[in-house]
C-alpha atoms as a PDB file:
ATOM      1  CA  UNK A   1       0.008  -0.004   0.071  1.00  0.00           C
ATOM      2  CA  UNK A   2       1.271   3.418  -0.794  1.00  0.00           C
ATOM      3  CA  UNK A   3       0.986   6.099   1.934  1.00  0.00           C
ATOM      4  CA  UNK A   4      -0.021   9.609   1.559  1.00  0.00           C
ATOM      5  CA  UNK A   5       3.363  11.114   2.361  1.00  0.00           C
ATOM      6  CA  UNK A   6       4.704   8.890  -0.604  1.00  0.00           C
ATOM      7  CA  UNK A   7       2.316  10.867  -3.134  1.00  0.00           C
ATOM      8  CA  UNK A   8       4.081  14.180  -2.436  1.00  0.00           C
ATOM      9  CA  UNK A   9       5.564  15.615  -5.503  1.00  0.00           C
ATOM     10  CA  UNK A  10       3.314  13.493  -7.755  1.00  0.00           C
ATOM     11  CA  UNK A  11       0.692  15.437  -9.865  1.00  0.00           C
ATOM     12  CA  UNK A  12      -2.970  14.774  -8.572  1.00  0.00           C
ATOM     13  CA  UNK A  13      -3.935  13.561 -11.942  1.00  0.00           C
ATOM     14  CA  UNK A  14      -1.268  10.670 -11.642  1.00  0.00           C
ATOM     15  CA  UNK A  15      -2.417   9.986  -7.944  1.00  0.00           C
ATOM     16  CA  UNK A  16      -6.071   9.640  -9.283  1.00  0.00           C
ATOM     17  CA  UNK A  17      -5.030   7.362 -11.964  1.00  0.00           C
ATOM     18  CA  UNK A  18      -3.064   4.988  -9.533  1.00  0.00           C
ATOM     19  CA  UNK A  19      -6.064   4.989  -7.215  1.00  0.00           C
ATOM     20  CA  UNK A  20      -8.396   4.244 -10.054  1.00  0.00           C
ATOM     21  CA  UNK A  21      -6.306   1.407 -11.286  1.00  0.00           C
ATOM     22  CA  UNK A  22      -6.372  -0.027  -7.801  1.00  0.00           C
ATOM     23  CA  UNK A  23     -10.301   0.146  -7.609  1.00  0.00           C
ATOM     24  CA  UNK A  24     -10.960  -1.430 -11.049  1.00  0.00           C
ATOM     25  CA  UNK A  25     -10.373  -4.894  -9.666  1.00  0.00           C
ATOM     26  CA  UNK A  26     -12.848  -4.511  -6.993  1.00  0.00           C
ATOM     27  CA  UNK A  27     -15.480  -3.310  -9.634  1.00  0.00           C
ATOM     28  CA  UNK A  28     -14.726  -6.405 -11.802  1.00  0.00           C
ATOM     29  CA  UNK A  29     -15.532  -8.689  -8.742  1.00  0.00           C
ATOM     30  CA  UNK A  30     -18.727  -6.752  -8.026  1.00  0.00           C
ATOM     31  CA  UNK A  31     -20.192  -6.683 -11.479  1.00  0.00           C
ATOM     32  CA  UNK A  32     -19.152 -10.203 -12.128  1.00  0.00           C
ATOM     33  CA  UNK A  33     -21.207 -11.390  -9.039  1.00  0.00           C
ATOM     34  CA  UNK A  34     -23.998  -9.267 -10.189  1.00  0.00           C
ATOM     35  CA  UNK A  35     -23.920 -11.033 -13.614  1.00  0.00           C
ATOM     36  CA  UNK A  36     -23.702 -14.489 -11.665  1.00  0.00           C
ATOM     37  CA  UNK A  37     -26.630 -13.601  -9.539  1.00  0.00           C
ATOM     38  CA  UNK A  38     -28.738 -12.298 -12.514  1.00  0.00           C
ATOM     39  CA  UNK A  39     -27.772 -15.358 -14.601  1.00  0.00           C
ATOM     40  CA  UNK A  40     -28.921 -17.797 -11.906  1.00  0.00           C
ATOM     41  CA  UNK A  41     -31.980 -15.766 -10.943  1.00  0.00           C
ATOM     42  CA  UNK A  42     -33.209 -14.837 -14.476  1.00  0.00           C
ATOM     43  CA  UNK A  43     -33.208 -11.248 -13.685  1.00  0.00           C
ATOM     44  CA  UNK A  44     -33.657  -8.997 -16.579  1.00  0.00           C
ATOM     45  CA  UNK A  45     -30.687  -6.793 -15.712  1.00  0.00           C
ATOM     46  CA  UNK A  46     -28.154  -9.226 -17.198  1.00  0.00           C
ATOM     47  CA  UNK A  47     -27.405  -7.246 -20.395  1.00  0.00           C
ATOM     48  CA  UNK A  48     -26.931  -4.036 -18.602  1.00  0.00           C
ATOM     49  CA  UNK A  49     -24.560  -5.711 -16.194  1.00  0.00           C
ATOM     50  CA  UNK A  50     -22.687  -7.198 -19.122  1.00  0.00           C
ATOM     51  CA  UNK A  51     -22.444  -3.652 -20.789  1.00  0.00           C
ATOM     52  CA  UNK A  52     -21.009  -2.385 -17.536  1.00  0.00           C
ATOM     53  CA  UNK A  53     -18.586  -5.151 -17.468  1.00  0.00           C
ATOM     54  CA  UNK A  54     -17.494  -4.392 -20.987  1.00  0.00           C
ATOM     55  CA  UNK A  55     -16.617  -0.886 -19.803  1.00  0.00           C
ATOM     56  CA  UNK A  56     -14.021  -2.041 -17.165  1.00  0.00           C
ATOM     57  CA  UNK A  57     -11.190  -3.367 -19.748  1.00  0.00           C
ATOM     58  CA  UNK A  58     -11.693  -0.031 -21.623  1.00  0.00           C
ATOM     59  CA  UNK A  59     -11.124   2.078 -18.426  1.00  0.00           C
ATOM     60  CA  UNK A  60      -8.118  -0.046 -17.357  1.00  0.00           C
ATOM     61  CA  UNK A  61      -6.707   0.052 -21.050  1.00  0.00           C
ATOM     62  CA  UNK A  62      -6.992   3.828 -20.980  1.00  0.00           C
ATOM     63  CA  UNK A  63      -5.147   4.015 -17.772  1.00  0.00           C
ATOM     64  CA  UNK A  64      -2.331   1.739 -19.055  1.00  0.00           C
ATOM     65  CA  UNK A  65      -2.212   3.962 -22.219  1.00  0.00           C
ATOM     66  CA  UNK A  66      -1.136   6.963 -20.275  1.00  0.00           C
ATOM     67  CA  UNK A  67       1.947   5.374 -19.014  1.00  0.00           C
ATOM     68  CA  UNK A  68       2.957   2.619 -21.448  1.00  0.00           C
ATOM     69  CA  UNK A  69       1.529   3.844 -24.808  1.00  0.00           C
ATOM     70  CA  UNK A  70      -0.972   2.566 -27.392  1.00  0.00           C
ATOM     71  CA  UNK A  71       0.304  -0.677 -28.320  1.00  0.00           C
ATOM     72  CA  UNK A  72       0.639  -2.207 -24.701  1.00  0.00           C
ATOM     73  CA  UNK A  73      -2.881  -0.584 -23.915  1.00  0.00           C
ATOM     74  CA  UNK A  74      -4.492  -2.133 -27.060  1.00  0.00           C
ATOM     75  CA  UNK A  75      -3.092  -5.572 -26.031  1.00  0.00           C
ATOM     76  CA  UNK A  76      -3.863  -5.139 -22.412  1.00  0.00           C
ATOM     77  CA  UNK A  77      -7.618  -4.009 -23.175  1.00  0.00           C
ATOM     78  CA  UNK A  78      -8.024  -7.068 -25.537  1.00  0.00           C
ATOM     79  CA  UNK A  79      -6.765  -9.519 -22.743  1.00  0.00           C
ATOM     80  CA  UNK A  80      -8.925  -8.017 -20.020  1.00  0.00           C
ATOM     81  CA  UNK A  81     -11.781  -7.870 -22.283  1.00  0.00           C
ATOM     82  CA  UNK A  82     -11.222 -11.528 -23.241  1.00  0.00           C
ATOM     83  CA  UNK A  83     -10.930 -12.122 -19.320  1.00  0.00           C
ATOM     84  CA  UNK A  84     -14.340 -10.546 -18.763  1.00  0.00           C
ATOM     85  CA  UNK A  85     -15.783 -12.640 -21.883  1.00  0.00           C
ATOM     86  CA  UNK A  86     -14.424 -15.884 -20.398  1.00  0.00           C
ATOM     87  CA  UNK A  87     -15.931 -15.199 -17.007  1.00  0.00           C
ATOM     88  CA  UNK A  88     -19.340 -14.463 -18.498  1.00  0.00           C
ATOM     89  CA  UNK A  89     -19.033 -17.603 -20.837  1.00  0.00           C
ATOM     90  CA  UNK A  90     -18.156 -19.569 -17.781  1.00  0.00           C
ATOM     91  CA  UNK A  91     -21.133 -18.452 -15.882  1.00  0.00           C
ATOM     92  CA  UNK A  92     -23.414 -19.066 -18.796  1.00  0.00           C
ATOM     93  CA  UNK A  93     -21.942 -22.630 -19.335  1.00  0.00           C
ATOM     94  CA  UNK A  94     -22.362 -23.397 -15.706  1.00  0.00           C
ATOM     95  CA  UNK A  95     -26.090 -22.233 -15.742  1.00  0.00           C
ATOM     96  CA  UNK A  96     -26.632 -24.566 -18.854  1.00  0.00           C
ATOM     97  CA  UNK A  97     -24.880 -27.416 -17.195  1.00  0.00           C
ATOM     98  CA  UNK A  98     -22.152 -27.705 -20.014  1.00  0.00           C
ATOM     99  CA  UNK A  99     -19.263 -29.173 -18.052  1.00  0.00           C
ATOM    100  CA  UNK A 100     -16.853 -29.238 -21.130  1.00  0.00           C
ATOM    101  CA  UNK A 101     -17.486 -25.356 -21.711  1.00  0.00           C
ATOM    102  CA  UNK A 102     -16.760 -24.666 -17.977  1.00  0.00           C
ATOM    103  CA  UNK A 103     -13.582 -26.543 -18.128  1.00  0.00           C
ATOM    104  CA  UNK A 104     -12.442 -24.841 -21.453  1.00  0.00           C
ATOM    105  CA  UNK A 105     -13.336 -21.434 -20.036  1.00  0.00           C
ATOM    106  CA  UNK A 106     -11.259 -22.047 -16.836  1.00  0.00           C
ATOM    107  CA  UNK A 107      -8.330 -23.093 -18.857  1.00  0.00           C
ATOM    108  CA  UNK A 108      -8.554 -20.112 -20.974  1.00  0.00           C
ATOM    109  CA  UNK A 109      -8.877 -17.894 -17.936  1.00  0.00           C
ATOM    110  CA  UNK A 110      -5.593 -19.123 -16.634  1.00  0.00           C
ATOM    111  CA  UNK A 111      -4.075 -18.766 -19.945  1.00  0.00           C
ATOM    112  CA  UNK A 112      -5.227 -15.218 -20.378  1.00  0.00           C
ATOM    113  CA  UNK A 113      -3.843 -14.571 -16.850  1.00  0.00           C
ATOM    114  CA  UNK A 114      -0.457 -15.850 -17.880  1.00  0.00           C
ATOM    115  CA  UNK A 115      -0.519 -13.516 -20.972  1.00  0.00           C
ATOM    116  CA  UNK A 116      -1.460 -10.521 -18.967  1.00  0.00           C
ATOM    117  CA  UNK A 117       1.352 -11.100 -16.379  1.00  0.00           C
ATOM    118  CA  UNK A 118       3.751 -11.594 -19.143  1.00  0.00           C
ATOM    119  CA  UNK A 119       2.587  -8.336 -20.858  1.00  0.00           C
ATOM    120  CA  UNK A 120       2.555  -6.160 -17.744  1.00  0.00           C
ATOM    121  CA  UNK A 121       5.942  -7.445 -16.428  1.00  0.00           C
ATOM    122  CA  UNK A 122       7.532  -6.488 -19.790  1.00  0.00           C
ATOM    123  CA  UNK A 123       6.123  -3.110 -19.799  1.00  0.00           C
ATOM    124  CA  UNK A 124       6.939  -2.298 -16.059  1.00  0.00           C
ATOM    125  CA  UNK A 125       9.889  -3.659 -14.304  1.00  0.00           C
ATOM    126  CA  UNK A 126       8.157  -3.069 -10.965  1.00  0.00           C
ATOM    127  CA  UNK A 127       5.517  -5.762 -11.878  1.00  0.00           C
ATOM    128  CA  UNK A 128       7.278  -9.025 -11.825  1.00  0.00           C
ATOM    129  CA  UNK A 129       5.799 -11.779 -13.850  1.00  0.00           C
ATOM    130  CA  UNK A 130       5.670 -14.405 -11.208  1.00  0.00           C
ATOM    131  CA  UNK A 131       3.968 -12.100  -8.655  1.00  0.00           C
ATOM    132  CA  UNK A 132       1.423 -10.820 -11.101  1.00  0.00           C
ATOM    133  CA  UNK A 133       0.673 -14.575 -12.173  1.00  0.00           C
ATOM    134  CA  UNK A 134       0.385 -15.482  -8.628  1.00  0.00           C
ATOM    135  CA  UNK A 135      -1.806 -12.584  -7.884  1.00  0.00           C
ATOM    136  CA  UNK A 136      -4.058 -13.229 -10.866  1.00  0.00           C
ATOM    137  CA  UNK A 137      -4.279 -16.928 -10.302  1.00  0.00           C
ATOM    138  CA  UNK A 138      -5.485 -16.362  -6.688  1.00  0.00           C
ATOM    139  CA  UNK A 139      -7.986 -13.700  -7.861  1.00  0.00           C
ATOM    140  CA  UNK A 140      -9.383 -16.176 -10.414  1.00  0.00           C
ATOM    141  CA  UNK A 141      -9.377 -18.947  -7.855  1.00  0.00           C
ATOM    142  CA  UNK A 142     -11.599 -17.075  -5.558  1.00  0.00           C
ATOM    143  CA  UNK A 143     -13.785 -16.044  -8.558  1.00  0.00           C
ATOM    144  CA  UNK A 144     -14.135 -19.489  -9.504  1.00  0.00           C
ATOM    145  CA  UNK A 145     -15.079 -20.657  -6.055  1.00  0.00           C
ATOM    146  CA  UNK A 146     -17.576 -18.044  -5.692  1.00  0.00           C
ATOM    147  CA  UNK A 147     -19.273 -19.176  -9.050  1.00  0.00           C
ATOM    148  CA  UNK A 148     -19.078 -22.880  -8.027  1.00  0.00           C
ATOM    149  CA  UNK A 149     -21.185 -22.025  -4.774  1.00  0.00           C
ATOM    150  CA  UNK A 150     -24.103 -21.277  -6.800  1.00  0.00           C
ATOM    151  CA  UNK A 151     -24.320 -24.783  -8.320  1.00  0.00           C
ATOM    152  CA  UNK A 152     -24.603 -26.184  -4.673  1.00  0.00           C
ATOM    153  CA  UNK A 153     -26.739 -23.374  -3.641  1.00  0.00           C
ATOM    154  CA  UNK A 154     -24.399 -22.518  -0.727  1.00  0.00           C
ATOM    155  CA  UNK A 155     -25.198 -18.885  -0.621  1.00  0.00           C
ATOM    156  CA  UNK A 156     -23.623 -18.158   2.784  1.00  0.00           C
ATOM    157  CA  UNK A 157     -20.361 -19.712   1.608  1.00  0.00           C
ATOM    158  CA  UNK A 158     -20.685 -17.622  -1.606  1.00  0.00           C
ATOM    159  CA  UNK A 159     -20.964 -14.410   0.590  1.00  0.00           C
ATOM    160  CA  UNK A 160     -17.884 -15.344   2.624  1.00  0.00           C
ATOM    161  CA  UNK A 161     -15.891 -16.048  -0.728  1.00  0.00           C
ATOM    162  CA  UNK A 162     -17.082 -12.777  -2.129  1.00  0.00           C
ATOM    163  CA  UNK A 163     -15.821 -10.957   0.847  1.00  0.00           C
ATOM    164  CA  UNK A 164     -12.607 -12.650   0.534  1.00  0.00           C
ATOM    165  CA  UNK A 165     -12.642 -11.798  -3.130  1.00  0.00           C
ATOM    166  CA  UNK A 166     -13.263  -8.141  -2.395  1.00  0.00           C
ATOM    167  CA  UNK A 167     -10.469  -8.050   0.203  1.00  0.00           C
ATOM    168  CA  UNK A 168      -8.068  -9.709  -2.282  1.00  0.00           C
ATOM    169  CA  UNK A 169      -9.022  -7.256  -4.904  1.00  0.00           C
ATOM    170  CA  UNK A 170      -7.488  -4.586  -2.742  1.00  0.00           C
ATOM    171  CA  UNK A 171      -4.342  -6.756  -2.549  1.00  0.00           C
ATOM    172  CA  UNK A 172      -4.211  -6.933  -6.400  1.00  0.00           C
ATOM    173  CA  UNK A 173      -4.995  -3.316  -6.808  1.00  0.00           C
ATOM    174  CA  UNK A 174      -2.385  -2.275  -4.335  1.00  0.00           C
ATOM    175  CA  UNK A 175       0.233  -4.279  -6.272  1.00  0.00           C
ATOM    176  CA  UNK A 176      -0.652  -2.398  -9.375  1.00  0.00           C
ATOM    177  CA  UNK A 177      -0.704   0.930  -7.613  1.00  0.00           C
ATOM    178  CA  UNK A 178       2.596   0.387  -5.966  1.00  0.00           C
ATOM    179  CA  UNK A 179       4.235  -0.804  -9.214  1.00  0.00           C
ATOM    180  CA  UNK A 180       2.817   2.061 -10.983  1.00  0.00           C
ATOM    181  CA  UNK A 181       4.182   4.367  -8.350  1.00  0.00           C
ATOM    182  CA  UNK A 182       7.603   3.107  -8.478  1.00  0.00           C
ATOM    183  CA  UNK A 183       7.532   3.254 -12.288  1.00  0.00           C
ATOM    184  CA  UNK A 184       6.570   6.961 -12.059  1.00  0.00           C
ATOM    185  CA  UNK A 185       9.097   7.659  -9.462  1.00  0.00           C
ATOM    186  CA  UNK A 186      11.882   5.874 -11.307  1.00  0.00           C
ATOM    187  CA  UNK A 187      11.156   7.839 -14.530  1.00  0.00           C
ATOM    188  CA  UNK A 188      10.929  11.073 -12.663  1.00  0.00           C
ATOM    189  CA  UNK A 189      14.436  10.486 -11.159  1.00  0.00           C
ATOM    190  CA  UNK A 190      15.861   9.845 -14.561  1.00  0.00           C
ATOM    191  CA  UNK A 191      14.255  13.052 -16.082  1.00  0.00           C
ATOM    192  CA  UNK A 192      16.682  16.098 -15.832  1.00  0.00           C
END
């Protein structure tokens, strides 16, 4: 976690971006849960939730663009968009009872996590590939546990896992924020 004193000398727009990047993973967890609930209960807000989920990769990509350029941002946006699509596809397959599609989407989610970890660690030396992969794997594992509780209708456990997922979103977001902060500070130190 970055402390207030560390922000001294950083323009407020960069601080806001760091904080926004940190919060995006919590939003992904929240809107994925809403999609899960809507899919299992047949609520009519599923399309609206899906539309909101589709905005998160764009927001994250725009943040990445400010620091790492268009090419990395475009690849990042595509990969996070794929991750969101795979999460929705996984939920939809689970609702249908399509075990093969569930397994395929899980494998593809972890593959996407690997690609994201490689991309980000190449863009920023303060994000290591192994740590980024571990953080993403844990995030996905919690999300998959939460999704699975709906099969067994174990809603109390689902809420507990969701609480853990929200807490873990902060850990993941803090890692992003700290790495971005270190990247900014290192580049400022090199600028005459």
